[in-house]
Amino acid sequence: MHEEKVKQAQEKTAIGRHAFIRISEISEEDKVKFLPLLLLGDESEAMIKRYIHRGRLFALYEHNDAASDLRAVCVLTNEGDGLFEIKNLAVAPEHQRCGFGRRMVFFVVDLCRQAGAKTLFVGTGRDTQVVSFYEKCGFAKSHIVDGFFEANYDHPIIEDGICLKDMQYLRIDF
């Protein structure tokens, strides 16, 4: 069921205005250069440093690999036993709601499927527009980690005007 939703959404976006999209994996030594954009997806540099070096960082460019063409980034981690997690997905503000985030998610879903993943997880704040975005990409609600944001961040995290407390996990099973 979820795989069918993902495929339908992929077909809808594939015909969009973005004729030339390139997604590149970023080398370990270059990851730090993408920190400004990653901070849009996770506003804690300390938290990003906890996962960026154990994950794979992908960058989506609209025309070529020039910095001015960078539209989105994503950090994907392999948690073992066939479980993968999107730790960070960020789209440049001026390019949000243009399909770049969706394209990146579909790329990561395909990558996980090809790697023989059992499940792909993503965590976000509860009751936010981000939950709806991931559901539209084929994810289903999985579980909640109570008090995650209060326990892992040294300041309140505000999203859509809501002070986040709990982490909502969503999943796609392969």
N, C-alpha and C. Protein backbone atom coordinates (compact mmCIF):
# COMPACT_ATOMS: atom_id res chain seq x y z
N MET A 1 0.82 -1.20 0.00
CA MET A 1 0.00 0.00 0.00
C MET A 1 0.87 1.26 0.00
N HIS A 2 1.83 1.33 0.94
CA HIS A 2 2.68 2.52 1.01
C HIS A 2 3.55 2.64 -0.22
N GLU A 3 4.03 1.51 -0.73
CA GLU A 3 4.88 1.53 -1.92
C GLU A 3 4.09 2.09 -3.11
N GLU A 4 2.80 1.75 -3.18
CA GLU A 4 1.96 2.24 -4.26
C GLU A 4 1.78 3.76 -4.16
N LYS A 5 1.60 4.29 -2.92
CA LYS A 5 1.47 5.73 -2.73
C LYS A 5 2.74 6.45 -3.14
N VAL A 6 3.88 5.89 -2.78
CA VAL A 6 5.16 6.49 -3.13
C VAL A 6 5.30 6.55 -4.64
N LYS A 7 4.99 5.45 -5.31
CA LYS A 7 5.12 5.39 -6.76
C LYS A 7 4.20 6.42 -7.44
N GLN A 8 2.95 6.54 -6.97
CA GLN A 8 2.03 7.51 -7.55
C GLN A 8 2.54 8.93 -7.37
N ALA A 9 3.05 9.23 -6.18
CA ALA A 9 3.57 10.57 -5.93
C ALA A 9 4.80 10.83 -6.78
N GLN A 10 5.64 9.81 -6.98
CA GLN A 10 6.83 9.96 -7.82
C GLN A 10 6.43 10.31 -9.24
N GLU A 11 5.42 9.62 -9.75
CA GLU A 11 4.99 9.87 -11.13
C GLU A 11 4.46 11.29 -11.28
N LYS A 12 3.76 11.79 -10.27
CA LYS A 12 3.24 13.16 -10.34
C LYS A 12 4.36 14.18 -10.38
N THR A 13 5.42 13.96 -9.59
CA THR A 13 6.51 14.94 -9.53
C THR A 13 7.47 14.79 -10.68
N ALA A 14 7.59 13.63 -11.26
CA ALA A 14 8.57 13.39 -12.31
C ALA A 14 8.31 14.25 -13.54
N ILE A 15 7.08 14.70 -13.71
CA ILE A 15 6.73 15.46 -14.90
C ILE A 15 6.79 16.96 -14.62
N GLY A 16 7.32 17.36 -13.49
CA GLY A 16 7.36 18.77 -13.09
C GLY A 16 8.26 19.61 -13.97
N ARG A 17 8.44 20.85 -13.56
CA ARG A 17 9.22 21.82 -14.33
C ARG A 17 10.72 21.59 -14.25
N HIS A 18 11.16 20.70 -13.39
CA HIS A 18 12.59 20.49 -13.15
C HIS A 18 13.14 19.45 -14.13
N ALA A 19 13.53 19.92 -15.29
CA ALA A 19 13.98 19.00 -16.32
C ALA A 19 15.35 18.41 -16.01
N PHE A 20 16.22 19.18 -15.36
CA PHE A 20 17.55 18.67 -15.09
C PHE A 20 17.85 18.76 -13.60
N ILE A 21 17.78 17.62 -12.93
CA ILE A 21 18.05 17.51 -11.50
C ILE A 21 19.22 16.55 -11.33
N ARG A 22 20.17 16.95 -10.52
CA ARG A 22 21.30 16.08 -10.20
C ARG A 22 21.37 15.93 -8.69
N ILE A 23 21.47 14.68 -8.23
CA ILE A 23 21.67 14.42 -6.81
C ILE A 23 23.04 13.77 -6.66
N SER A 24 23.87 14.40 -5.84
CA SER A 24 25.24 13.93 -5.65
C SER A 24 25.48 13.57 -4.20
N GLU A 25 26.26 12.52 -3.96
CA GLU A 25 26.68 12.21 -2.61
C GLU A 25 27.89 13.07 -2.29
N ILE A 26 27.90 13.65 -1.11
CA ILE A 26 28.94 14.57 -0.69
C ILE A 26 30.02 13.81 0.07
N SER A 27 31.27 14.10 -0.26
CA SER A 27 32.39 13.42 0.40
C SER A 27 32.47 13.84 1.87
N GLU A 28 33.10 13.00 2.65
CA GLU A 28 33.25 13.26 4.09
C GLU A 28 33.88 14.62 4.36
N GLU A 29 34.94 14.94 3.63
CA GLU A 29 35.64 16.20 3.88
C GLU A 29 34.83 17.44 3.47
N ASP A 30 33.82 17.29 2.62
CA ASP A 30 33.02 18.43 2.16
C ASP A 30 31.71 18.60 2.92
N LYS A 31 31.37 17.68 3.79
CA LYS A 31 30.07 17.74 4.48
C LYS A 31 29.86 19.04 5.24
N VAL A 32 30.90 19.53 5.89
CA VAL A 32 30.77 20.73 6.72
C VAL A 32 30.35 21.96 5.89
N LYS A 33 30.66 21.97 4.61
CA LYS A 33 30.28 23.08 3.73
C LYS A 33 28.76 23.23 3.60
N PHE A 34 28.02 22.17 3.92
CA PHE A 34 26.57 22.17 3.75
C PHE A 34 25.84 22.48 5.06
N LEU A 35 26.59 22.80 6.10
CA LEU A 35 26.00 23.07 7.40
C LEU A 35 24.94 24.18 7.37
N PRO A 36 25.15 25.30 6.67
CA PRO A 36 24.11 26.34 6.67
C PRO A 36 22.74 25.82 6.21
N LEU A 37 22.71 24.98 5.19
CA LEU A 37 21.42 24.44 4.73
C LEU A 37 20.91 23.36 5.69
N LEU A 38 21.81 22.53 6.20
CA LEU A 38 21.40 21.50 7.16
C LEU A 38 20.76 22.11 8.40
N LEU A 39 21.19 23.30 8.79
CA LEU A 39 20.62 23.96 9.97
C LEU A 39 19.16 24.37 9.77
N LEU A 40 18.69 24.37 8.55
CA LEU A 40 17.26 24.61 8.31
C LEU A 40 16.44 23.39 8.70
N GLY A 41 17.02 22.21 8.55
CA GLY A 41 16.33 20.97 8.88
C GLY A 41 16.48 20.56 10.33
N ASP A 42 17.52 21.05 10.97
CA ASP A 42 17.81 20.74 12.38
C ASP A 42 18.61 21.92 12.90
N GLU A 43 18.00 22.74 13.73
CA GLU A 43 18.64 24.00 14.10
C GLU A 43 19.76 23.87 15.13
N SER A 44 20.12 22.66 15.51
CA SER A 44 21.19 22.45 16.47
C SER A 44 22.43 21.89 15.78
N GLU A 45 23.48 22.70 15.73
CA GLU A 45 24.73 22.23 15.13
C GLU A 45 25.28 21.03 15.90
N ALA A 46 25.12 21.04 17.22
CA ALA A 46 25.59 19.92 18.03
C ALA A 46 24.87 18.63 17.66
N MET A 47 23.56 18.72 17.42
CA MET A 47 22.78 17.54 17.04
C MET A 47 23.21 17.05 15.67
N ILE A 48 23.41 17.96 14.72
CA ILE A 48 23.85 17.58 13.38
C ILE A 48 25.19 16.84 13.45
N LYS A 49 26.08 17.32 14.28
CA LYS A 49 27.40 16.69 14.41
C LYS A 49 27.30 15.28 14.99
N ARG A 50 26.19 14.96 15.67
CA ARG A 50 26.01 13.62 16.22
C ARG A 50 25.72 12.59 15.12
N TYR A 51 25.18 13.04 13.97
CA TYR A 51 24.82 12.07 12.93
C TYR A 51 25.46 12.30 11.57
N ILE A 52 25.96 13.47 11.29
CA ILE A 52 26.41 13.76 9.93
C ILE A 52 27.58 12.87 9.48
N HIS A 53 28.47 12.53 10.38
CA HIS A 53 29.64 11.75 9.97
C HIS A 53 29.39 10.25 9.94
N ARG A 54 28.27 9.82 10.48
CA ARG A 54 27.93 8.39 10.37
C ARG A 54 26.86 8.16 9.31
N GLY A 55 26.46 9.25 8.65
CA GLY A 55 25.46 9.13 7.60
C GLY A 55 26.01 9.52 6.25
N ARG A 56 25.18 9.34 5.24
CA ARG A 56 25.52 9.75 3.88
C ARG A 56 24.78 11.06 3.61
N LEU A 57 25.49 12.04 3.10
CA LEU A 57 24.90 13.34 2.78
C LEU A 57 24.72 13.45 1.28
N PHE A 58 23.51 13.79 0.89
CA PHE A 58 23.18 13.98 -0.53
C PHE A 58 22.76 15.42 -0.76
N ALA A 59 23.15 15.96 -1.91
CA ALA A 59 22.79 17.32 -2.28
C ALA A 59 22.07 17.28 -3.62
N LEU A 60 20.97 18.01 -3.72
CA LEU A 60 20.19 18.09 -4.95
C LEU A 60 20.43 19.44 -5.60
N TYR A 61 20.85 19.40 -6.85
CA TYR A 61 21.11 20.60 -7.65
C TYR A 61 20.13 20.65 -8.80
N GLU A 62 19.70 21.85 -9.15
CA GLU A 62 18.74 21.97 -10.25
C GLU A 62 19.39 21.95 -11.62
N HIS A 63 20.52 22.54 -11.81
CA HIS A 63 21.12 22.60 -13.15
C HIS A 63 22.48 21.89 -13.19
N ASN A 64 23.39 22.29 -12.33
CA ASN A 64 24.69 21.60 -12.25
C ASN A 64 25.14 21.64 -10.80
N ASP A 65 26.41 21.35 -10.56
CA ASP A 65 26.90 21.27 -9.18
C ASP A 65 27.37 22.59 -8.62
N ALA A 66 26.99 23.71 -9.23
CA ALA A 66 27.39 25.02 -8.70
C ALA A 66 26.61 25.30 -7.41
N ALA A 67 27.26 25.98 -6.49
CA ALA A 67 26.62 26.29 -5.21
C ALA A 67 25.31 27.04 -5.41
N SER A 68 25.23 27.88 -6.42
CA SER A 68 24.01 28.66 -6.67
C SER A 68 22.86 27.77 -7.13
N ASP A 69 23.14 26.55 -7.56
CA ASP A 69 22.10 25.63 -8.02
C ASP A 69 21.67 24.64 -6.96
N LEU A 70 22.25 24.72 -5.75
CA LEU A 70 21.89 23.83 -4.65
C LEU A 70 20.46 24.13 -4.20
N ARG A 71 19.64 23.08 -4.14
CA ARG A 71 18.24 23.26 -3.75
C ARG A 71 17.89 22.53 -2.45
N ALA A 72 18.50 21.35 -2.22
CA ALA A 72 18.12 20.56 -1.04
C ALA A 72 19.27 19.66 -0.62
N VAL A 73 19.24 19.27 0.66
CA VAL A 73 20.21 18.31 1.20
C VAL A 73 19.46 17.29 2.06
N CYS A 74 20.08 16.13 2.22
CA CYS A 74 19.48 15.07 3.02
C CYS A 74 20.59 14.22 3.64
N VAL A 75 20.44 13.90 4.92
CA VAL A 75 21.35 12.97 5.58
C VAL A 75 20.59 11.68 5.83
N LEU A 76 21.15 10.58 5.35
CA LEU A 76 20.57 9.25 5.50
C LEU A 76 21.53 8.39 6.31
N THR A 77 21.02 7.74 7.35
CA THR A 77 21.86 6.85 8.15
C THR A 77 21.36 5.42 8.03
N ASN A 78 22.31 4.49 8.12
CA ASN A 78 22.01 3.07 8.17
C ASN A 78 22.08 2.67 9.64
N GLU A 79 20.93 2.34 10.21
CA GLU A 79 20.85 2.03 11.63
C GLU A 79 21.08 0.55 11.91
N GLY A 80 21.34 -0.25 10.87
CA GLY A 80 21.60 -1.67 11.02
C GLY A 80 20.33 -2.49 10.92
N ASP A 81 20.49 -3.78 10.67
CA ASP A 81 19.37 -4.71 10.56
C ASP A 81 18.32 -4.29 9.53
N GLY A 82 18.76 -3.64 8.45
CA GLY A 82 17.84 -3.24 7.39
C GLY A 82 17.05 -1.98 7.69
N LEU A 83 17.40 -1.27 8.75
CA LEU A 83 16.70 -0.04 9.13
C LEU A 83 17.53 1.18 8.74
N PHE A 84 16.90 2.11 8.03
CA PHE A 84 17.54 3.35 7.62
C PHE A 84 16.73 4.50 8.17
N GLU A 85 17.37 5.67 8.28
CA GLU A 85 16.64 6.84 8.79
C GLU A 85 17.09 8.10 8.07
N ILE A 86 16.11 8.90 7.68
CA ILE A 86 16.38 10.25 7.20
C ILE A 86 16.56 11.10 8.45
N LYS A 87 17.77 11.58 8.68
CA LYS A 87 18.06 12.38 9.87
C LYS A 87 17.84 13.86 9.62
N ASN A 88 17.97 14.28 8.37
CA ASN A 88 17.84 15.70 8.06
C ASN A 88 17.45 15.83 6.59
N LEU A 89 16.44 16.62 6.35
CA LEU A 89 16.04 16.99 4.99
C LEU A 89 15.77 18.48 5.02
N ALA A 90 16.48 19.22 4.19
CA ALA A 90 16.31 20.67 4.17
C ALA A 90 16.29 21.17 2.73
N VAL A 91 15.40 22.10 2.47
CA VAL A 91 15.28 22.73 1.16
C VAL A 91 15.51 24.23 1.35
N ALA A 92 16.31 24.82 0.48
CA ALA A 92 16.56 26.25 0.55
C ALA A 92 15.22 26.99 0.57
N PRO A 93 15.06 27.98 1.47
CA PRO A 93 13.76 28.64 1.64
C PRO A 93 13.13 29.16 0.35
N GLU A 94 13.93 29.73 -0.53
CA GLU A 94 13.39 30.29 -1.77
C GLU A 94 12.96 29.21 -2.76
N HIS A 95 13.26 27.96 -2.46
CA HIS A 95 12.90 26.86 -3.36
C HIS A 95 11.96 25.85 -2.70
N GLN A 96 11.43 26.20 -1.54
CA GLN A 96 10.48 25.31 -0.88
C GLN A 96 9.15 25.31 -1.64
N ARG A 97 8.45 24.21 -1.55
CA ARG A 97 7.16 24.01 -2.22
C ARG A 97 7.29 24.00 -3.74
N CYS A 98 8.48 23.58 -4.22
CA CYS A 98 8.72 23.46 -5.66
C CYS A 98 8.97 22.00 -6.06
N GLY A 99 8.86 21.07 -5.11
CA GLY A 99 9.04 19.66 -5.42
C GLY A 99 10.43 19.11 -5.14
N PHE A 100 11.36 19.95 -4.69
CA PHE A 100 12.73 19.48 -4.48
C PHE A 100 12.82 18.53 -3.28
N GLY A 101 12.11 18.84 -2.21
CA GLY A 101 12.10 17.95 -1.05
C GLY A 101 11.53 16.59 -1.40
N ARG A 102 10.45 16.61 -2.14
CA ARG A 102 9.80 15.36 -2.57
C ARG A 102 10.74 14.55 -3.46
N ARG A 103 11.43 15.23 -4.37
CA ARG A 103 12.38 14.53 -5.25
C ARG A 103 13.48 13.86 -4.44
N MET A 104 13.97 14.57 -3.41
CA MET A 104 15.01 14.01 -2.57
C MET A 104 14.50 12.80 -1.79
N VAL A 105 13.29 12.90 -1.27
CA VAL A 105 12.72 11.77 -0.53
C VAL A 105 12.59 10.57 -1.45
N PHE A 106 12.10 10.75 -2.65
CA PHE A 106 11.94 9.62 -3.57
C PHE A 106 13.29 9.01 -3.93
N PHE A 107 14.30 9.85 -4.08
CA PHE A 107 15.65 9.36 -4.34
C PHE A 107 16.11 8.45 -3.20
N VAL A 108 15.92 8.91 -1.97
CA VAL A 108 16.35 8.15 -0.79
C VAL A 108 15.54 6.87 -0.65
N VAL A 109 14.24 6.93 -0.92
CA VAL A 109 13.41 5.72 -0.86
C VAL A 109 13.93 4.69 -1.86
N ASP A 110 14.21 5.11 -3.07
CA ASP A 110 14.74 4.19 -4.09
C ASP A 110 16.10 3.63 -3.68
N LEU A 111 16.94 4.48 -3.13
CA LEU A 111 18.26 4.05 -2.67
C LEU A 111 18.15 2.97 -1.59
N CYS A 112 17.24 3.20 -0.63
CA CYS A 112 17.04 2.22 0.44
C CYS A 112 16.48 0.91 -0.10
N ARG A 113 15.54 1.02 -1.02
CA ARG A 113 14.95 -0.19 -1.63
C ARG A 113 16.04 -1.01 -2.33
N GLN A 114 16.90 -0.33 -3.10
CA GLN A 114 17.99 -1.01 -3.81
C GLN A 114 19.00 -1.62 -2.85
N ALA A 115 19.14 -1.03 -1.66
CA ALA A 115 20.09 -1.54 -0.67
C ALA A 115 19.50 -2.69 0.14
N GLY A 116 18.26 -3.06 -0.14
CA GLY A 116 17.63 -4.16 0.57
C GLY A 116 17.09 -3.79 1.94
N ALA A 117 16.78 -2.51 2.12
CA ALA A 117 16.25 -2.04 3.41
C ALA A 117 14.92 -2.72 3.74
N LYS A 118 14.69 -2.89 5.02
CA LYS A 118 13.39 -3.37 5.50
C LYS A 118 12.47 -2.19 5.76
N THR A 119 13.04 -1.13 6.38
CA THR A 119 12.24 0.02 6.78
C THR A 119 13.07 1.29 6.68
N LEU A 120 12.42 2.36 6.24
CA LEU A 120 13.00 3.69 6.25
C LEU A 120 12.18 4.53 7.22
N PHE A 121 12.85 5.11 8.21
CA PHE A 121 12.20 5.97 9.20
C PHE A 121 12.55 7.42 8.96
N VAL A 122 11.70 8.31 9.45
CA VAL A 122 12.01 9.73 9.55
C VAL A 122 11.30 10.24 10.80
N GLY A 123 11.99 11.10 11.53
CA GLY A 123 11.40 11.67 12.73
C GLY A 123 11.24 13.16 12.58
N THR A 124 10.14 13.68 13.11
CA THR A 124 9.87 15.11 13.03
C THR A 124 8.98 15.50 14.20
N GLY A 125 8.71 16.78 14.33
CA GLY A 125 7.83 17.23 15.39
C GLY A 125 6.41 16.73 15.16
N ARG A 126 5.72 16.48 16.25
CA ARG A 126 4.33 16.02 16.16
C ARG A 126 3.42 17.14 15.69
N ASP A 127 2.39 16.77 14.97
CA ASP A 127 1.33 17.71 14.59
C ASP A 127 1.85 18.94 13.84
N THR A 128 2.76 18.71 12.91
CA THR A 128 3.26 19.82 12.10
C THR A 128 2.96 19.53 10.63
N GLN A 129 3.15 20.53 9.81
CA GLN A 129 2.96 20.36 8.37
C GLN A 129 3.95 19.36 7.80
N VAL A 130 5.06 19.18 8.47
CA VAL A 130 6.08 18.24 8.00
C VAL A 130 5.55 16.81 8.03
N VAL A 131 4.75 16.48 9.04
CA VAL A 131 4.13 15.14 9.10
C VAL A 131 3.29 14.92 7.85
N SER A 132 2.50 15.90 7.49
CA SER A 132 1.66 15.80 6.29
C SER A 132 2.51 15.62 5.03
N PHE A 133 3.62 16.35 4.94
CA PHE A 133 4.52 16.22 3.79
C PHE A 133 4.98 14.77 3.64
N TYR A 134 5.45 14.18 4.73
CA TYR A 134 5.96 12.81 4.65
C TYR A 134 4.84 11.81 4.35
N GLU A 135 3.66 12.05 4.88
CA GLU A 135 2.53 11.16 4.57
C GLU A 135 2.21 11.22 3.08
N LYS A 136 2.30 12.40 2.49
CA LYS A 136 2.07 12.54 1.05
C LYS A 136 3.16 11.85 0.23
N CYS A 137 4.32 11.65 0.84
CA CYS A 137 5.43 10.94 0.17
C CYS A 137 5.34 9.43 0.40
N GLY A 138 4.29 8.96 1.07
CA GLY A 138 4.10 7.53 1.24
C GLY A 138 4.45 6.98 2.61
N PHE A 139 4.90 7.82 3.52
CA PHE A 139 5.21 7.37 4.88
C PHE A 139 3.93 7.24 5.69
N ALA A 140 3.96 6.37 6.68
CA ALA A 140 2.85 6.20 7.62
C ALA A 140 3.37 6.44 9.03
N LYS A 141 2.52 6.97 9.89
CA LYS A 141 2.93 7.19 11.28
C LYS A 141 3.34 5.87 11.90
N SER A 142 4.42 5.91 12.67
CA SER A 142 4.97 4.71 13.28
C SER A 142 4.86 4.76 14.80
N HIS A 143 5.61 5.64 15.43
CA HIS A 143 5.62 5.71 16.89
C HIS A 143 6.06 7.11 17.32
N ILE A 144 5.92 7.39 18.61
CA ILE A 144 6.26 8.69 19.18
C ILE A 144 7.30 8.49 20.27
N VAL A 145 8.29 9.37 20.28
CA VAL A 145 9.27 9.39 21.37
C VAL A 145 8.92 10.60 22.24
N ASP A 146 8.32 10.33 23.38
CA ASP A 146 7.89 11.40 24.28
C ASP A 146 9.09 12.19 24.80
N GLY A 147 8.95 13.50 24.82
CA GLY A 147 9.96 14.38 25.40
C GLY A 147 11.27 14.48 24.65
N PHE A 148 11.31 14.01 23.40
CA PHE A 148 12.57 13.98 22.65
C PHE A 148 13.22 15.36 22.54
N PHE A 149 12.47 16.37 22.15
CA PHE A 149 13.06 17.68 21.90
C PHE A 149 13.55 18.33 23.20
N GLU A 150 12.79 18.18 24.26
CA GLU A 150 13.20 18.74 25.55
C GLU A 150 14.47 18.05 26.06
N ALA A 151 14.61 16.75 25.81
CA ALA A 151 15.76 15.99 26.31
C ALA A 151 17.01 16.18 25.47
N ASN A 152 16.86 16.53 24.19
CA ASN A 152 18.01 16.55 23.28
C ASN A 152 18.43 17.92 22.79
N TYR A 153 17.68 18.96 23.12
CA TYR A 153 18.02 20.32 22.68
C TYR A 153 18.10 21.22 23.90
N ASP A 154 19.03 22.17 23.85
CA ASP A 154 19.23 23.05 25.00
C ASP A 154 18.34 24.30 24.96
N HIS A 155 17.43 24.34 24.00
CA HIS A 155 16.51 25.47 23.89
C HIS A 155 15.21 24.96 23.25
N PRO A 156 14.12 25.68 23.44
CA PRO A 156 12.85 25.24 22.83
C PRO A 156 12.94 25.25 21.30
N ILE A 157 12.36 24.25 20.69
CA ILE A 157 12.30 24.15 19.23
C ILE A 157 10.86 24.51 18.84
N ILE A 158 10.73 25.55 18.04
CA ILE A 158 9.41 26.04 17.62
C ILE A 158 9.24 25.72 16.13
N GLU A 159 8.16 25.06 15.78
CA GLU A 159 7.87 24.74 14.39
C GLU A 159 6.39 25.00 14.15
N ASP A 160 6.07 25.76 13.12
CA ASP A 160 4.69 26.14 12.82
C ASP A 160 4.02 26.78 14.03
N GLY A 161 4.80 27.54 14.82
CA GLY A 161 4.25 28.21 15.99
C GLY A 161 4.02 27.30 17.19
N ILE A 162 4.46 26.06 17.09
CA ILE A 162 4.24 25.08 18.17
C ILE A 162 5.60 24.75 18.80
N CYS A 163 5.64 24.77 20.14
CA CYS A 163 6.84 24.35 20.85
C CYS A 163 6.87 22.82 20.86
N LEU A 164 7.87 22.26 20.18
CA LEU A 164 7.94 20.81 20.03
C LEU A 164 8.42 20.14 21.31
N LYS A 165 7.76 19.04 21.65
CA LYS A 165 8.15 18.24 22.80
C LYS A 165 8.45 16.81 22.37
N ASP A 166 7.55 16.23 21.60
CA ASP A 166 7.66 14.82 21.23
C ASP A 166 8.07 14.65 19.77
N MET A 167 8.80 13.59 19.50
CA MET A 167 9.22 13.26 18.13
C MET A 167 8.24 12.26 17.55
N GLN A 168 7.66 12.60 16.39
CA GLN A 168 6.77 11.70 15.66
C GLN A 168 7.61 10.98 14.62
N TYR A 169 7.66 9.66 14.70
CA TYR A 169 8.36 8.88 13.68
C TYR A 169 7.35 8.39 12.66
N LEU A 170 7.78 8.43 11.40
CA LEU A 170 7.01 7.87 10.30
C LEU A 170 7.88 6.82 9.63
N ARG A 171 7.26 5.94 8.85
CA ARG A 171 8.02 4.85 8.25
C ARG A 171 7.46 4.44 6.90
N ILE A 172 8.35 3.88 6.11
CA ILE A 172 7.98 3.16 4.89
C ILE A 172 8.61 1.78 5.02
N ASP A 173 7.81 0.74 4.85
CA ASP A 173 8.30 -0.63 4.89
C ASP A 173 8.45 -1.13 3.46
N PHE A 174 9.52 -1.86 3.21
CA PHE A 174 9.79 -2.38 1.87
C PHE A 174 9.49 -3.86 1.79
